[in-house]
């Protein structure tokens, strides 16, 4: 029996500027994207501080597409507010975004998330049987 290839959760969201909660400040920067928690934290029972892993598919500002960022690995630190998952850009991923000027609102980011790593080191593959797409206005 052959293994089904991993396929990701694809999220397209505006970039928002908001400082992370104090408990996440060491790992998270002030740039974030968001999505309804029904697509990520609820089905996978994720918790505050878990790290989502993936790659950038696209970053846009109006009609300008930052081609150089496409394919760049990225990680996010998870927080939750109500029924919304807040994905703060991990400080390890921040320098490349910063250096391309992705430092304010008005940008849209599309990312492919394929796994989450828990503080214990456990790795959880996201939607390994089919790709799901979520677009946030």
C-alpha atoms as a PDB file:
ATOM      1  CA  UNK A   1       0.000   0.000   0.000  1.00  0.00           C
ATOM      2  CA  UNK A   2       1.478   3.340  -1.003  1.00  0.00           C
ATOM      3  CA  UNK A   3       1.534   6.322   1.305  1.00  0.00           C
ATOM      4  CA  UNK A   4      -0.852   9.144   0.447  1.00  0.00           C
ATOM      5  CA  UNK A   5       1.206  12.322  -0.072  1.00  0.00           C
ATOM      6  CA  UNK A   6       0.806  14.990   2.589  1.00  0.00           C
ATOM      7  CA  UNK A   7      -1.370  17.830   1.410  1.00  0.00           C
ATOM      8  CA  UNK A   8      -1.758  20.994   3.393  1.00  0.00           C
ATOM      9  CA  UNK A   9      -4.135  23.487   4.814  1.00  0.00           C
ATOM     10  CA  UNK A  10      -3.869  26.573   2.568  1.00  0.00           C
ATOM     11  CA  UNK A  11      -4.772  29.871   4.251  1.00  0.00           C
ATOM     12  CA  UNK A  12      -5.126  33.276   2.593  1.00  0.00           C
ATOM     13  CA  UNK A  13      -5.447  36.131   5.076  1.00  0.00           C
ATOM     14  CA  UNK A  14      -4.720  39.815   5.395  1.00  0.00           C
ATOM     15  CA  UNK A  15      -1.679  40.579   7.512  1.00  0.00           C
ATOM     16  CA  UNK A  16      -2.610  42.237  10.798  1.00  0.00           C
ATOM     17  CA  UNK A  17      -0.396  44.148  13.228  1.00  0.00           C
ATOM     18  CA  UNK A  18      -0.958  43.267  16.890  1.00  0.00           C
ATOM     19  CA  UNK A  19       1.467  42.509  19.681  1.00  0.00           C
ATOM     20  CA  UNK A  20       1.409  38.906  20.891  1.00  0.00           C
ATOM     21  CA  UNK A  21       0.229  37.897  24.367  1.00  0.00           C
ATOM     22  CA  UNK A  22       2.956  38.201  27.007  1.00  0.00           C
ATOM     23  CA  UNK A  23       3.352  34.416  27.239  1.00  0.00           C
ATOM     24  CA  UNK A  24       4.295  34.264  23.527  1.00  0.00           C
ATOM     25  CA  UNK A  25       6.510  37.375  23.244  1.00  0.00           C
ATOM     26  CA  UNK A  26       9.782  35.407  23.292  1.00  0.00           C
ATOM     27  CA  UNK A  27       8.850  33.463  20.143  1.00  0.00           C
ATOM     28  CA  UNK A  28       6.243  35.556  18.311  1.00  0.00           C
ATOM     29  CA  UNK A  29       6.501  38.891  16.510  1.00  0.00           C
ATOM     30  CA  UNK A  30       3.723  41.445  15.979  1.00  0.00           C
ATOM     31  CA  UNK A  31       2.731  40.334  12.439  1.00  0.00           C
ATOM     32  CA  UNK A  32      -0.104  37.812  12.221  1.00  0.00           C
ATOM     33  CA  UNK A  33      -2.653  36.104  10.047  1.00  0.00           C
ATOM     34  CA  UNK A  34      -5.882  34.551  11.262  1.00  0.00           C
ATOM     35  CA  UNK A  35      -8.442  31.897  10.409  1.00  0.00           C
ATOM     36  CA  UNK A  36     -11.528  30.343  11.986  1.00  0.00           C
ATOM     37  CA  UNK A  37     -10.451  27.810  14.623  1.00  0.00           C
ATOM     38  CA  UNK A  38     -12.769  25.183  13.102  1.00  0.00           C
ATOM     39  CA  UNK A  39     -10.053  24.619  10.465  1.00  0.00           C
ATOM     40  CA  UNK A  40      -7.005  24.292  12.717  1.00  0.00           C
ATOM     41  CA  UNK A  41      -7.015  24.330  16.510  1.00  0.00           C
ATOM     42  CA  UNK A  42     -10.396  22.666  17.096  1.00  0.00           C
ATOM     43  CA  UNK A  43     -10.050  19.549  14.914  1.00  0.00           C
ATOM     44  CA  UNK A  44      -6.429  19.027  15.968  1.00  0.00           C
ATOM     45  CA  UNK A  45      -6.927  19.997  19.654  1.00  0.00           C
ATOM     46  CA  UNK A  46      -4.131  22.552  19.466  1.00  0.00           C
ATOM     47  CA  UNK A  47      -3.169  24.851  22.303  1.00  0.00           C
ATOM     48  CA  UNK A  48      -1.701  28.296  22.837  1.00  0.00           C
ATOM     49  CA  UNK A  49       1.976  28.284  21.901  1.00  0.00           C
ATOM     50  CA  UNK A  50       1.898  25.353  19.461  1.00  0.00           C
ATOM     51  CA  UNK A  51       3.950  26.090  16.326  1.00  0.00           C
ATOM     52  CA  UNK A  52       2.460  25.727  12.830  1.00  0.00           C
ATOM     53  CA  UNK A  53       4.939  24.976  10.022  1.00  0.00           C
ATOM     54  CA  UNK A  54       4.623  25.600   6.332  1.00  0.00           C
ATOM     55  CA  UNK A  55       5.727  27.734   3.430  1.00  0.00           C
ATOM     56  CA  UNK A  56       4.702  31.010   1.855  1.00  0.00           C
ATOM     57  CA  UNK A  57       2.806  30.646  -1.408  1.00  0.00           C
ATOM     58  CA  UNK A  58       2.280  34.355  -2.009  1.00  0.00           C
ATOM     59  CA  UNK A  59       2.618  37.777  -0.396  1.00  0.00           C
ATOM     60  CA  UNK A  60       0.814  40.669  -2.085  1.00  0.00           C
ATOM     61  CA  UNK A  61       0.425  44.371  -1.521  1.00  0.00           C
ATOM     62  CA  UNK A  62      -2.272  45.566  -3.911  1.00  0.00           C
ATOM     63  CA  UNK A  63      -1.124  44.487  -7.386  1.00  0.00           C
ATOM     64  CA  UNK A  64       2.480  43.950  -6.262  1.00  0.00           C
ATOM     65  CA  UNK A  65       3.437  40.320  -5.670  1.00  0.00           C
ATOM     66  CA  UNK A  66       6.655  39.719  -3.756  1.00  0.00           C
ATOM     67  CA  UNK A  67       7.853  36.800  -5.894  1.00  0.00           C
ATOM     68  CA  UNK A  68      11.046  36.378  -3.873  1.00  0.00           C
ATOM     69  CA  UNK A  69       9.063  35.257  -0.819  1.00  0.00           C
ATOM     70  CA  UNK A  70       7.166  32.464  -2.615  1.00  0.00           C
ATOM     71  CA  UNK A  71       8.367  29.076  -1.397  1.00  0.00           C
ATOM     72  CA  UNK A  72      10.000  30.493   1.748  1.00  0.00           C
ATOM     73  CA  UNK A  73       9.576  28.264   4.828  1.00  0.00           C
ATOM     74  CA  UNK A  74       7.580  29.975   7.575  1.00  0.00           C
ATOM     75  CA  UNK A  75       6.433  29.145  11.078  1.00  0.00           C
ATOM     76  CA  UNK A  76       3.740  30.657  13.273  1.00  0.00           C
ATOM     77  CA  UNK A  77       2.991  30.619  16.988  1.00  0.00           C
ATOM     78  CA  UNK A  78      -0.653  29.815  17.723  1.00  0.00           C
ATOM     79  CA  UNK A  79      -2.941  31.864  19.932  1.00  0.00           C
ATOM     80  CA  UNK A  80      -6.737  31.764  20.129  1.00  0.00           C
ATOM     81  CA  UNK A  81      -9.328  34.475  20.615  1.00  0.00           C
ATOM     82  CA  UNK A  82     -12.854  33.113  20.760  1.00  0.00           C
ATOM     83  CA  UNK A  83     -13.417  31.031  17.631  1.00  0.00           C
ATOM     84  CA  UNK A  84     -10.442  32.514  15.780  1.00  0.00           C
ATOM     85  CA  UNK A  85      -6.940  31.124  15.529  1.00  0.00           C
ATOM     86  CA  UNK A  86      -4.318  33.843  15.568  1.00  0.00           C
ATOM     87  CA  UNK A  87      -1.061  32.820  13.899  1.00  0.00           C
ATOM     88  CA  UNK A  88       1.771  35.131  14.925  1.00  0.00           C
ATOM     89  CA  UNK A  89       4.823  34.974  12.674  1.00  0.00           C
ATOM     90  CA  UNK A  90       7.558  33.154  14.600  1.00  0.00           C
ATOM     91  CA  UNK A  91      10.626  35.284  15.317  1.00  0.00           C
ATOM     92  CA  UNK A  92      12.743  32.761  13.376  1.00  0.00           C
ATOM     93  CA  UNK A  93      10.702  33.576  10.225  1.00  0.00           C
ATOM     94  CA  UNK A  94      10.468  37.316  10.814  1.00  0.00           C
ATOM     95  CA  UNK A  95      13.800  38.602   9.395  1.00  0.00           C
ATOM     96  CA  UNK A  96      13.034  37.658   5.778  1.00  0.00           C
ATOM     97  CA  UNK A  97       9.560  39.253   5.869  1.00  0.00           C
ATOM     98  CA  UNK A  98      10.998  42.353   7.541  1.00  0.00           C
ATOM     99  CA  UNK A  99      13.791  42.671   5.015  1.00  0.00           C
ATOM    100  CA  UNK A 100      11.229  42.647   2.173  1.00  0.00           C
ATOM    101  CA  UNK A 101       9.254  45.399   3.898  1.00  0.00           C
ATOM    102  CA  UNK A 102       6.292  43.309   5.061  1.00  0.00           C
ATOM    103  CA  UNK A 103       6.010  45.403   8.201  1.00  0.00           C
ATOM    104  CA  UNK A 104       2.545  46.966   8.043  1.00  0.00           C
ATOM    105  CA  UNK A 105      -1.068  46.168   7.287  1.00  0.00           C
ATOM    106  CA  UNK A 106      -2.302  46.132   3.709  1.00  0.00           C
ATOM    107  CA  UNK A 107      -0.491  42.943   2.692  1.00  0.00           C
ATOM    108  CA  UNK A 108      -2.189  39.614   2.033  1.00  0.00           C
ATOM    109  CA  UNK A 109      -0.373  36.373   2.686  1.00  0.00           C
ATOM    110  CA  UNK A 110      -1.199  32.930   1.370  1.00  0.00           C
ATOM    111  CA  UNK A 111       0.517  30.081   3.184  1.00  0.00           C
ATOM    112  CA  UNK A 112       0.535  26.316   3.036  1.00  0.00           C
ATOM    113  CA  UNK A 113       0.491  24.825   6.544  1.00  0.00           C
ATOM    114  CA  UNK A 114       1.484  21.174   6.662  1.00  0.00           C
ATOM    115  CA  UNK A 115       2.278  20.419  10.307  1.00  0.00           C
ATOM    116  CA  UNK A 116       2.107  21.622  13.895  1.00  0.00           C
ATOM    117  CA  UNK A 117       4.755  20.968  16.536  1.00  0.00           C
ATOM    118  CA  UNK A 118       3.664  20.758  20.174  1.00  0.00           C
ATOM    119  CA  UNK A 119       5.974  21.907  23.010  1.00  0.00           C
ATOM    120  CA  UNK A 120       6.639  18.195  23.728  1.00  0.00           C
ATOM    121  CA  UNK A 121       8.124  17.865  20.225  1.00  0.00           C
ATOM    122  CA  UNK A 122       5.174  15.841  18.909  1.00  0.00           C
ATOM    123  CA  UNK A 123       4.599  16.626  15.220  1.00  0.00           C
ATOM    124  CA  UNK A 124       1.039  16.569  13.864  1.00  0.00           C
ATOM    125  CA  UNK A 125       0.537  16.449  10.102  1.00  0.00           C
ATOM    126  CA  UNK A 126      -2.339  18.670   8.926  1.00  0.00           C
ATOM    127  CA  UNK A 127      -4.985  17.244   6.588  1.00  0.00           C
ATOM    128  CA  UNK A 128      -2.825  14.454   5.191  1.00  0.00           C
ATOM    129  CA  UNK A 129      -5.610  13.083   2.971  1.00  0.00           C
ATOM    130  CA  UNK A 130      -6.599  16.204   1.015  1.00  0.00           C
ATOM    131  CA  UNK A 131      -5.878  19.900   0.603  1.00  0.00           C
ATOM    132  CA  UNK A 132      -8.207  22.370   2.297  1.00  0.00           C
ATOM    133  CA  UNK A 133      -8.353  26.066   1.397  1.00  0.00           C
ATOM    134  CA  UNK A 134      -9.484  28.843   3.731  1.00  0.00           C
ATOM    135  CA  UNK A 135      -9.786  32.462   2.667  1.00  0.00           C
ATOM    136  CA  UNK A 136     -10.200  35.138   5.342  1.00  0.00           C
ATOM    137  CA  UNK A 137     -11.520  38.576   4.413  1.00  0.00           C
END
